[in-house]
């Protein structure tokens, strides 16, 4: 019999460690991502047994980003093959991770799953919270893989044992990244309306297997509403380009959606309304426009509408002043952070074989490497100045220096692109005007299908 700790509310040593780790990971996520948006967290009840059901696109970064950002303490079902290292097993336990064994990876250990399921049932009976990835696999694609039936099975078996009086809530969660493998990207966590397992009581009692299938289908339907799903993965490039066009274009042509994720959903809807041959003409126009930008050496769009030339020069001048003022801080931040950045990048690119693990390994290894370098540099700084207060100040500003350095580089790139646009407006005004016309024509083609 597998013995597992089922005391979930007692503030013991293990709970304290969990809270500390959660705080550290939440802080790290806020630094790794430039923007984290949580939508409808109220859909996760605080006083009910809950199954959290996210989609899975970035290995162990997915449970970290959800678990560290929501208020409720969660347990996690994880792949059993990850529980082979004794040191990692201790860490996993502190994070409330529970192994589940799959036939294709650990056929000799699948008999342990019965104990795991019983543990999950007991957790739900005690109004606990459990996170399960119903796809059962991780893949960096804009799709939802066929869901495994295990999630519905756990919920309905637990309810059946308790005469369907538990009121288990199954909460679909959409994890949406701008790019899960890129530092300082954005993530939106869409928390959908909960599914109540008790609503499937009649189906389950008439035919347990059909009841499980029916609940699984409902989870699939609800989860699809929370994420961006594309038939062709190349569509994401078109969506990102169009999003950029809207953001840089005339305000009258901007999307109504407020955040980046809803903008992409709206763009996907508009693209879906384009029919051949209109779709082919639109694609040709979009590729031609970005091809022209590429040949000019311009990567980022700037608002170059007519009668704004003076404002562009003024903006370019102001940005030049700010970049000049910030240059000394950038140099300090660059010298302090370039080495851990290079170590993390080279290690990740060399070690990771699967693309869906890139973001997770970069996040975890980067957290370790930057912590080590931070400690060493603080120790060296203290030896140099021999002042506790100055050392404390250095410790507090160290992470911010790194983020400033990264942001400074991004702004410098925009400055160079802005300079190219300004030069283009002076020397080749006709070409600039044509590019503006092409951009507005692309956006107008989308506006037409929306009317």
Protein backbone atom coordinates (compact mmCIF):
# COMPACT_ATOMS: atom_id res chain seq x y z
CA UNK A 1 0.00 0.00 0.00
CA UNK A 2 1.34 3.41 -0.97
CA UNK A 3 1.25 5.67 2.07
CA UNK A 4 0.65 9.34 1.37
CA UNK A 5 0.16 12.28 3.70
CA UNK A 6 -3.51 13.35 3.60
CA UNK A 7 -3.39 16.15 6.15
CA UNK A 8 -4.02 19.16 3.98
CA UNK A 9 -5.04 21.93 6.41
CA UNK A 10 -2.48 21.56 9.20
CA UNK A 11 0.18 24.29 9.22
CA UNK A 12 3.11 21.95 9.65
CA UNK A 13 6.67 22.11 8.37
CA UNK A 14 5.72 20.77 4.94
CA UNK A 15 3.07 23.47 4.47
CA UNK A 16 5.57 26.14 5.42
CA UNK A 17 8.07 24.86 2.85
CA UNK A 18 5.31 24.78 0.22
CA UNK A 19 4.41 28.41 0.91
CA UNK A 20 8.03 29.51 0.70
CA UNK A 21 8.53 27.70 -2.60
CA UNK A 22 5.29 29.12 -3.95
CA UNK A 23 6.39 32.65 -3.05
CA UNK A 24 9.78 32.17 -4.75
CA UNK A 25 8.21 30.71 -7.90
CA UNK A 26 5.54 33.43 -8.03
CA UNK A 27 8.26 36.09 -7.80
CA UNK A 28 10.35 34.33 -10.48
CA UNK A 29 7.34 34.12 -12.82
CA UNK A 30 6.66 37.84 -12.41
CA UNK A 31 10.23 38.55 -13.48
CA UNK A 32 10.36 35.95 -16.28
CA UNK A 33 7.12 37.19 -17.90
CA UNK A 34 6.58 40.85 -18.70
CA UNK A 35 2.83 40.47 -18.19
CA UNK A 36 0.69 37.88 -16.38
CA UNK A 37 -3.08 38.24 -16.65
CA UNK A 38 -5.49 36.07 -14.69
CA UNK A 39 -9.08 36.10 -15.94
CA UNK A 40 -12.02 35.04 -13.74
CA UNK A 41 -10.13 33.57 -10.79
CA UNK A 42 -13.45 33.69 -8.92
CA UNK A 43 -14.46 30.62 -10.96
CA UNK A 44 -12.24 28.58 -8.61
CA UNK A 45 -14.33 28.00 -5.45
CA UNK A 46 -12.56 28.17 -2.10
CA UNK A 47 -14.85 25.81 -0.18
CA UNK A 48 -15.42 22.99 -2.68
CA UNK A 49 -13.39 19.99 -3.87
CA UNK A 50 -11.78 21.16 -7.11
CA UNK A 51 -10.01 19.67 -10.11
CA UNK A 52 -8.01 22.30 -12.02
CA UNK A 53 -7.72 21.32 -15.69
CA UNK A 54 -5.22 23.39 -17.74
CA UNK A 55 -4.05 22.80 -21.28
CA UNK A 56 -0.41 21.74 -21.58
CA UNK A 57 2.10 23.58 -23.84
CA UNK A 58 5.24 24.13 -21.79
CA UNK A 59 6.22 21.12 -19.64
CA UNK A 60 6.55 21.96 -15.93
CA UNK A 61 6.30 25.71 -16.57
CA UNK A 62 2.52 25.22 -16.92
CA UNK A 63 1.86 23.98 -13.36
CA UNK A 64 4.33 26.53 -11.99
CA UNK A 65 2.67 29.50 -13.67
CA UNK A 66 -0.86 28.44 -12.65
CA UNK A 67 -0.05 27.10 -9.18
CA UNK A 68 2.05 30.10 -8.18
CA UNK A 69 -0.42 32.74 -9.37
CA UNK A 70 -3.77 31.47 -8.07
CA UNK A 71 -4.65 31.86 -4.41
CA UNK A 72 -5.77 28.32 -3.68
CA UNK A 73 -3.23 25.73 -2.52
CA UNK A 74 -3.07 22.88 -5.02
CA UNK A 75 -1.80 19.33 -5.40
CA UNK A 76 -0.53 18.10 -8.76
CA UNK A 77 -0.70 14.84 -10.68
CA UNK A 78 2.63 14.41 -12.47
CA UNK A 79 4.29 11.83 -14.71
CA UNK A 80 5.66 8.95 -12.66
CA UNK A 81 8.89 8.73 -14.68
CA UNK A 82 9.90 12.08 -13.15
CA UNK A 83 10.04 10.46 -9.70
CA UNK A 84 13.22 8.44 -10.22
CA UNK A 85 15.74 10.82 -8.63
CA UNK A 86 15.62 10.68 -4.78
CA UNK A 87 16.57 14.36 -4.44
CA UNK A 88 13.91 15.48 -6.91
CA UNK A 89 11.32 13.26 -5.21
CA UNK A 90 11.79 15.23 -1.98
CA UNK A 91 11.34 18.51 -3.87
CA UNK A 92 8.27 17.19 -5.67
CA UNK A 93 6.68 16.14 -2.40
CA UNK A 94 7.22 19.62 -0.95
CA UNK A 95 5.37 20.97 -4.00
CA UNK A 96 2.49 18.52 -3.37
CA UNK A 97 3.17 16.57 -6.55
CA UNK A 98 1.66 13.08 -6.87
CA UNK A 99 3.07 10.52 -9.36
CA UNK A 100 0.83 8.82 -11.90
CA UNK A 101 2.29 5.97 -13.93
CA UNK A 102 1.59 5.37 -17.63
CA UNK A 103 1.77 2.02 -19.40
CA UNK A 104 4.03 3.30 -22.16
CA UNK A 105 6.67 4.55 -19.71
CA UNK A 106 6.36 2.58 -16.45
CA UNK A 107 4.33 -0.58 -17.11
CA UNK A 108 5.83 -2.30 -14.06
CA UNK A 109 4.52 0.45 -11.76
CA UNK A 110 1.00 0.99 -13.07
CA UNK A 111 -0.38 -1.14 -10.22
CA UNK A 112 0.44 1.80 -7.91
CA UNK A 113 -2.15 3.94 -9.69
CA UNK A 114 -4.98 2.33 -7.73
CA UNK A 115 -3.50 3.74 -4.52
CA UNK A 116 -2.99 7.08 -6.26
CA UNK A 117 -6.64 7.20 -7.31
CA UNK A 118 -7.76 6.40 -3.79
CA UNK A 119 -5.57 9.20 -2.53
CA UNK A 120 -7.14 11.59 -5.05
CA UNK A 121 -10.62 10.52 -3.95
CA UNK A 122 -9.71 11.17 -0.30
CA UNK A 123 -8.25 14.56 -1.21
CA UNK A 124 -11.54 15.53 -2.87
CA UNK A 125 -13.51 14.21 0.10
CA UNK A 126 -11.53 16.65 2.27
CA UNK A 127 -12.39 19.53 -0.11
CA UNK A 128 -8.88 19.58 -1.54
CA UNK A 129 -7.66 21.00 -4.83
CA UNK A 130 -5.94 18.87 -7.46
CA UNK A 131 -4.41 19.97 -10.77
CA UNK A 132 -4.50 17.52 -13.68
CA UNK A 133 -3.49 18.07 -17.30
CA UNK A 134 -6.27 16.19 -19.11
CA UNK A 135 -4.38 16.02 -22.44
CA UNK A 136 -1.82 13.73 -20.79
CA UNK A 137 0.95 15.06 -23.04
CA UNK A 138 2.78 18.35 -23.53
CA UNK A 139 3.21 19.91 -26.98
CA UNK A 140 3.98 23.43 -28.15
CA UNK A 141 1.25 23.63 -30.75
CA UNK A 142 -1.93 25.67 -30.97
CA UNK A 143 -4.13 22.61 -30.65
CA UNK A 144 -5.86 20.65 -27.91
CA UNK A 145 -4.82 16.99 -27.92
CA UNK A 146 -7.54 14.34 -27.37
CA UNK A 147 -8.27 14.28 -23.65
CA UNK A 148 -7.59 11.25 -21.48
CA UNK A 149 -10.57 9.87 -19.56
CA UNK A 150 -8.69 9.65 -16.25
CA UNK A 151 -9.76 13.11 -15.10
CA UNK A 152 -13.48 12.39 -15.48
CA UNK A 153 -12.96 8.94 -13.97
CA UNK A 154 -11.39 10.36 -10.79
CA UNK A 155 -14.16 12.95 -10.37
CA UNK A 156 -17.07 10.58 -10.97
CA UNK A 157 -15.63 7.71 -8.92
CA UNK A 158 -15.11 10.06 -5.97
CA UNK A 159 -18.67 11.33 -6.32
CA UNK A 160 -20.09 7.83 -6.66
CA UNK A 161 -18.34 6.71 -3.46
CA UNK A 162 -20.07 9.57 -1.66
CA UNK A 163 -23.54 9.28 -3.25
CA UNK A 164 -22.81 12.31 -5.44
CA UNK A 165 -22.82 14.67 -2.44
CA UNK A 166 -19.21 15.94 -2.77
CA UNK A 167 -20.04 18.61 -5.36
CA UNK A 168 -16.70 18.26 -7.18
CA UNK A 169 -16.01 21.26 -9.42
CA UNK A 170 -13.93 20.72 -12.57
CA UNK A 171 -12.42 24.04 -13.67
CA UNK A 172 -11.07 24.36 -17.26
CA UNK A 173 -8.03 26.65 -17.45
CA UNK A 174 -6.54 28.02 -20.66
CA UNK A 175 -2.83 28.85 -20.48
CA UNK A 176 -2.08 31.22 -23.35
CA UNK A 177 1.50 32.34 -24.02
CA UNK A 178 2.69 34.85 -26.59
CA UNK A 179 5.69 32.49 -26.71
CA UNK A 180 6.27 30.00 -23.85
CA UNK A 181 9.99 29.74 -24.64
CA UNK A 182 10.87 33.43 -24.77
CA UNK A 183 12.00 35.54 -21.84
CA UNK A 184 9.75 38.53 -21.04
CA UNK A 185 6.81 37.19 -22.97
CA UNK A 186 3.15 37.50 -21.93
CA UNK A 187 0.78 34.92 -20.52
CA UNK A 188 -2.98 35.01 -20.01
CA UNK A 189 -4.59 32.44 -17.73
CA UNK A 190 -8.25 32.08 -18.73
CA UNK A 191 -10.23 30.37 -15.97
CA UNK A 192 -13.49 29.01 -17.31
CA UNK A 193 -16.78 28.33 -15.58
CA UNK A 194 -16.67 25.18 -13.44
CA UNK A 195 -18.30 21.92 -14.49
CA UNK A 196 -20.11 20.15 -11.64
CA UNK A 197 -19.53 16.40 -11.61
CA UNK A 198 -22.89 15.81 -9.92
CA UNK A 199 -24.64 16.95 -13.13
CA UNK A 200 -23.43 13.68 -14.70
CA UNK A 201 -24.84 11.43 -11.97
CA UNK A 202 -27.63 9.94 -14.07
CA UNK A 203 -25.36 9.21 -17.04
CA UNK A 204 -22.74 7.59 -14.81
CA UNK A 205 -25.22 5.41 -12.94
CA UNK A 206 -26.87 4.24 -16.17
CA UNK A 207 -23.51 3.39 -17.78
CA UNK A 208 -20.32 4.33 -15.94
CA UNK A 209 -18.16 4.33 -19.07
CA UNK A 210 -20.58 6.49 -21.08
CA UNK A 211 -20.83 8.84 -18.11
CA UNK A 212 -17.04 9.20 -18.08
CA UNK A 213 -17.00 9.84 -21.84
CA UNK A 214 -19.77 12.42 -21.59
CA UNK A 215 -17.94 14.36 -18.87
CA UNK A 216 -14.66 14.13 -20.83
CA UNK A 217 -16.38 15.59 -23.90
CA UNK A 218 -17.77 18.44 -21.80
CA UNK A 219 -14.28 19.19 -20.43
CA UNK A 220 -12.95 19.24 -24.00
CA UNK A 221 -15.66 21.66 -25.12
CA UNK A 222 -15.14 24.03 -22.19
CA UNK A 223 -11.33 23.97 -22.42
CA UNK A 224 -11.42 24.87 -26.12
CA UNK A 225 -13.21 28.09 -25.23
CA UNK A 226 -10.27 29.23 -23.11
CA UNK A 227 -7.43 28.87 -25.63
CA UNK A 228 -6.39 29.80 -29.15
CA UNK A 229 -6.68 26.76 -31.44
CA UNK A 230 -5.35 26.80 -35.01
CA UNK A 231 -5.81 24.23 -37.76
CA UNK A 232 -2.46 25.23 -39.29
CA UNK A 233 0.41 26.21 -37.01
CA UNK A 234 1.68 28.72 -39.60
CA UNK A 235 -1.43 30.81 -38.89
CA UNK A 236 0.11 32.09 -35.65
CA UNK A 237 2.68 34.08 -37.66
CA UNK A 238 -0.08 35.74 -39.67
CA UNK A 239 -2.06 36.50 -36.50
CA UNK A 240 0.99 38.03 -34.78
CA UNK A 241 1.75 40.16 -37.86
CA UNK A 242 -1.82 41.44 -38.09
CA UNK A 243 -1.84 42.20 -34.37
CA UNK A 244 1.28 44.31 -34.92
CA UNK A 245 -0.36 46.09 -37.85
CA UNK A 246 -3.38 47.01 -35.75
CA UNK A 247 -1.21 48.25 -32.88
CA UNK A 248 0.87 50.45 -35.20
CA UNK A 249 -1.91 51.64 -37.46
CA UNK A 250 -4.57 54.33 -37.43
CA UNK A 251 -6.60 54.37 -34.20
CA UNK A 252 -9.86 54.07 -36.13
CA UNK A 253 -8.74 50.63 -37.32
CA UNK A 254 -7.72 49.24 -33.93
CA UNK A 255 -9.36 46.10 -32.59
CA UNK A 256 -12.06 46.42 -29.94
CA UNK A 257 -10.43 43.73 -27.79
CA UNK A 258 -8.43 45.07 -24.84
CA UNK A 259 -5.74 42.45 -24.25
CA UNK A 260 -3.38 40.61 -26.59
CA UNK A 261 -5.06 37.21 -26.23
CA UNK A 262 -8.56 38.46 -27.07
CA UNK A 263 -7.07 40.44 -29.96
CA UNK A 264 -5.62 37.24 -31.38
CA UNK A 265 -8.94 35.45 -30.97
CA UNK A 266 -10.66 38.30 -32.80
CA UNK A 267 -8.07 38.22 -35.59
CA UNK A 268 -8.51 34.46 -35.89
CA UNK A 269 -12.26 34.98 -36.25
CA UNK A 270 -11.76 37.59 -38.98
CA UNK A 271 -9.29 35.39 -40.87
CA UNK A 272 -11.78 32.54 -40.71
CA UNK A 273 -14.35 34.70 -42.51
CA UNK A 274 -12.00 35.29 -45.45
CA UNK A 275 -12.83 32.84 -48.21
CA UNK A 276 -10.86 31.90 -51.32
CA UNK A 277 -9.85 33.70 -53.46
CA UNK A 278 -10.02 36.58 -50.94
CA UNK A 279 -7.95 34.56 -48.49
CA UNK A 280 -5.17 34.02 -51.05
CA UNK A 281 -5.18 37.70 -52.03
CA UNK A 282 -4.97 38.74 -48.39
CA UNK A 283 -2.10 36.34 -47.69
CA UNK A 284 -0.19 37.60 -50.73
CA UNK A 285 -0.68 41.23 -49.65
CA UNK A 286 0.46 40.49 -46.09
CA UNK A 287 3.59 38.62 -47.22
CA UNK A 288 4.46 41.33 -49.75
CA UNK A 289 4.19 44.04 -47.12
CA UNK A 290 6.42 42.27 -44.61
CA UNK A 291 8.81 41.27 -47.37
CA UNK A 292 9.24 44.96 -48.22
CA UNK A 293 9.92 45.79 -44.56
CA UNK A 294 12.49 43.01 -44.35
CA UNK A 295 14.32 44.28 -47.45
CA UNK A 296 14.46 47.75 -45.86
CA UNK A 297 15.92 46.26 -42.68
CA UNK A 298 12.94 47.29 -40.54
CA UNK A 299 11.61 44.86 -37.95
CA UNK A 300 9.29 46.92 -35.75
CA UNK A 301 6.50 49.08 -37.08
CA UNK A 302 6.16 52.73 -36.19
CA UNK A 303 3.15 54.94 -36.69
CA UNK A 304 4.09 56.85 -39.85
CA UNK A 305 0.73 58.34 -40.74
CA UNK A 306 0.78 61.69 -42.54
CA UNK A 307 1.16 64.98 -40.63
CA UNK A 308 3.03 63.22 -37.83
CA UNK A 309 6.55 63.70 -39.10
CA UNK A 310 7.39 66.40 -36.58
CA UNK A 311 6.07 64.26 -33.75
CA UNK A 312 8.18 61.33 -34.95
CA UNK A 313 11.32 63.51 -34.90
CA UNK A 314 10.41 64.79 -31.46
CA UNK A 315 9.77 61.28 -30.20
CA UNK A 316 13.01 60.06 -31.75
CA UNK A 317 14.90 62.91 -30.08
CA UNK A 318 13.30 62.23 -26.69
CA UNK A 319 14.13 58.54 -26.94
CA UNK A 320 17.71 59.42 -27.86
CA UNK A 321 18.00 61.57 -24.72
CA UNK A 322 16.54 58.87 -22.47
CA UNK A 323 18.81 56.18 -23.95
CA UNK A 324 21.83 58.44 -23.41
CA UNK A 325 20.89 59.09 -19.77
CA UNK A 326 20.29 55.40 -19.14
CA UNK A 327 23.50 54.23 -20.83
CA UNK A 328 25.67 54.11 -17.64
CA UNK A 329 23.01 52.06 -15.81
CA UNK A 330 22.74 49.76 -18.82
CA UNK A 331 26.51 49.18 -18.84
CA UNK A 332 26.50 48.24 -15.13
CA UNK A 333 23.49 45.94 -15.56
CA UNK A 334 24.99 44.38 -18.67
CA UNK A 335 28.29 43.57 -16.93
CA UNK A 336 26.49 42.07 -13.93
CA UNK A 337 24.02 39.91 -15.87
CA UNK A 338 25.54 38.99 -19.22
CA UNK A 339 27.44 35.97 -17.93
CA UNK A 340 24.50 34.20 -16.21
CA UNK A 341 22.37 35.01 -19.26
CA UNK A 342 24.89 33.39 -21.62
CA UNK A 343 25.32 30.34 -19.35
CA UNK A 344 21.54 29.81 -19.15
CA UNK A 345 21.03 30.26 -22.90
CA UNK A 346 23.87 27.98 -23.98
CA UNK A 347 22.93 25.26 -21.48
CA UNK A 348 19.27 25.32 -22.54
CA UNK A 349 20.05 25.16 -26.27
CA UNK A 350 22.57 22.36 -25.77
CA UNK A 351 20.59 20.17 -23.36
CA UNK A 352 16.97 20.49 -24.46
CA UNK A 353 15.94 18.07 -27.19
CA UNK A 354 12.20 18.78 -27.26
CA UNK A 355 10.89 22.25 -28.04
CA UNK A 356 8.09 22.02 -25.45
CA UNK A 357 10.77 21.85 -22.73
CA UNK A 358 12.74 24.94 -23.81
CA UNK A 359 10.81 27.47 -21.74
CA UNK A 360 10.62 25.24 -18.67
CA UNK A 361 14.35 24.42 -18.63
CA UNK A 362 15.30 28.04 -19.31
CA UNK A 363 13.07 29.17 -16.44
CA UNK A 364 14.27 26.55 -13.91
CA UNK A 365 17.96 26.58 -14.81
CA UNK A 366 17.94 30.37 -15.14
CA UNK A 367 16.45 30.69 -11.67
CA UNK A 368 19.29 28.57 -10.27
CA UNK A 369 22.09 30.25 -12.26
CA UNK A 370 20.96 33.80 -11.57
CA UNK A 371 20.54 33.00 -7.86
CA UNK A 372 24.13 31.68 -7.72
CA UNK A 373 25.58 34.66 -9.58
CA UNK A 374 23.52 37.05 -7.49
CA UNK A 375 24.88 35.48 -4.29
CA UNK A 376 28.47 35.59 -5.51
CA UNK A 377 28.23 39.20 -6.68
CA UNK A 378 26.59 40.33 -3.44
CA UNK A 379 29.34 38.58 -1.46
CA UNK A 380 32.00 40.27 -3.59
CA UNK A 381 30.29 43.65 -3.28
CA UNK A 382 30.15 43.31 0.51
CA UNK A 383 33.83 42.45 0.64
CA UNK A 384 34.56 45.53 -1.46
CA UNK A 385 32.48 48.13 0.42
CA UNK A 386 32.29 46.46 3.88
CA UNK A 387 28.93 48.13 4.53
CA UNK A 388 25.79 46.17 5.39
CA UNK A 389 23.36 48.87 4.23
CA UNK A 390 25.02 49.33 0.85
CA UNK A 391 25.11 45.54 0.43
CA UNK A 392 21.38 45.34 1.22
CA UNK A 393 20.61 48.08 -1.33
CA UNK A 394 22.70 46.25 -3.93
CA UNK A 395 20.77 43.05 -3.17
CA UNK A 396 17.42 44.82 -3.62
CA UNK A 397 18.29 46.49 -6.95
CA UNK A 398 20.18 43.54 -8.51
CA UNK A 399 17.12 41.94 -10.22
CA UNK A 400 15.84 45.34 -11.38
CA UNK A 401 19.19 46.10 -13.03
CA UNK A 402 18.84 42.95 -15.11
CA UNK A 403 15.31 43.81 -16.21
CA UNK A 404 16.37 47.38 -17.00
CA UNK A 405 19.21 46.04 -19.15
CA UNK A 406 16.85 43.80 -21.12
CA UNK A 407 14.33 46.63 -21.55
CA UNK A 408 17.06 49.06 -22.57
CA UNK A 409 18.14 46.73 -25.39
CA UNK A 410 14.53 46.44 -26.59
CA UNK A 411 14.14 50.22 -26.60
CA UNK A 412 17.47 50.61 -28.44
CA UNK A 413 16.18 48.29 -31.20
CA UNK A 414 13.02 50.40 -31.48
CA UNK A 415 15.17 53.53 -31.63
CA UNK A 416 17.19 52.15 -34.56
CA UNK A 417 14.02 51.12 -36.37
CA UNK A 418 12.48 54.53 -35.70
CA UNK A 419 15.58 56.16 -37.14
CA UNK A 420 15.26 54.05 -40.29
CA UNK A 421 11.60 55.04 -40.65
CA UNK A 422 12.53 58.71 -40.24
CA UNK A 423 15.29 58.43 -42.83
CA UNK A 424 12.89 56.61 -45.13
CA UNK A 425 10.36 59.43 -44.76
CA UNK A 426 12.96 62.03 -45.77
CA UNK A 427 14.75 60.23 -48.59
CA UNK A 428 12.04 57.96 -49.96
CA UNK A 429 8.73 59.54 -49.04
CA UNK A 430 6.89 57.85 -51.90
CA UNK A 431 7.94 54.39 -50.69
CA UNK A 432 6.96 55.22 -47.14
CA UNK A 433 3.58 56.45 -48.31
CA UNK A 434 3.08 53.26 -50.31
CA UNK A 435 3.89 51.11 -47.27
CA UNK A 436 1.35 53.04 -45.22
CA UNK A 437 -1.26 52.58 -47.94
CA UNK A 438 -0.50 48.84 -48.11
CA UNK A 439 -0.84 48.52 -44.36
CA UNK A 440 -4.22 50.27 -44.33
CA UNK A 441 -5.40 48.19 -47.28
CA UNK A 442 -4.61 44.98 -45.35
CA UNK A 443 -6.54 46.22 -42.31
CA UNK A 444 -9.46 47.40 -44.46
CA UNK A 445 -9.73 43.93 -46.02
CA UNK A 446 -10.30 42.57 -42.52
CA UNK A 447 -12.72 45.35 -41.63
CA UNK A 448 -14.86 44.51 -44.63
CA UNK A 449 -15.37 40.88 -43.61
CA UNK A 450 -16.33 42.09 -40.14
CA UNK A 451 -19.26 44.19 -41.41
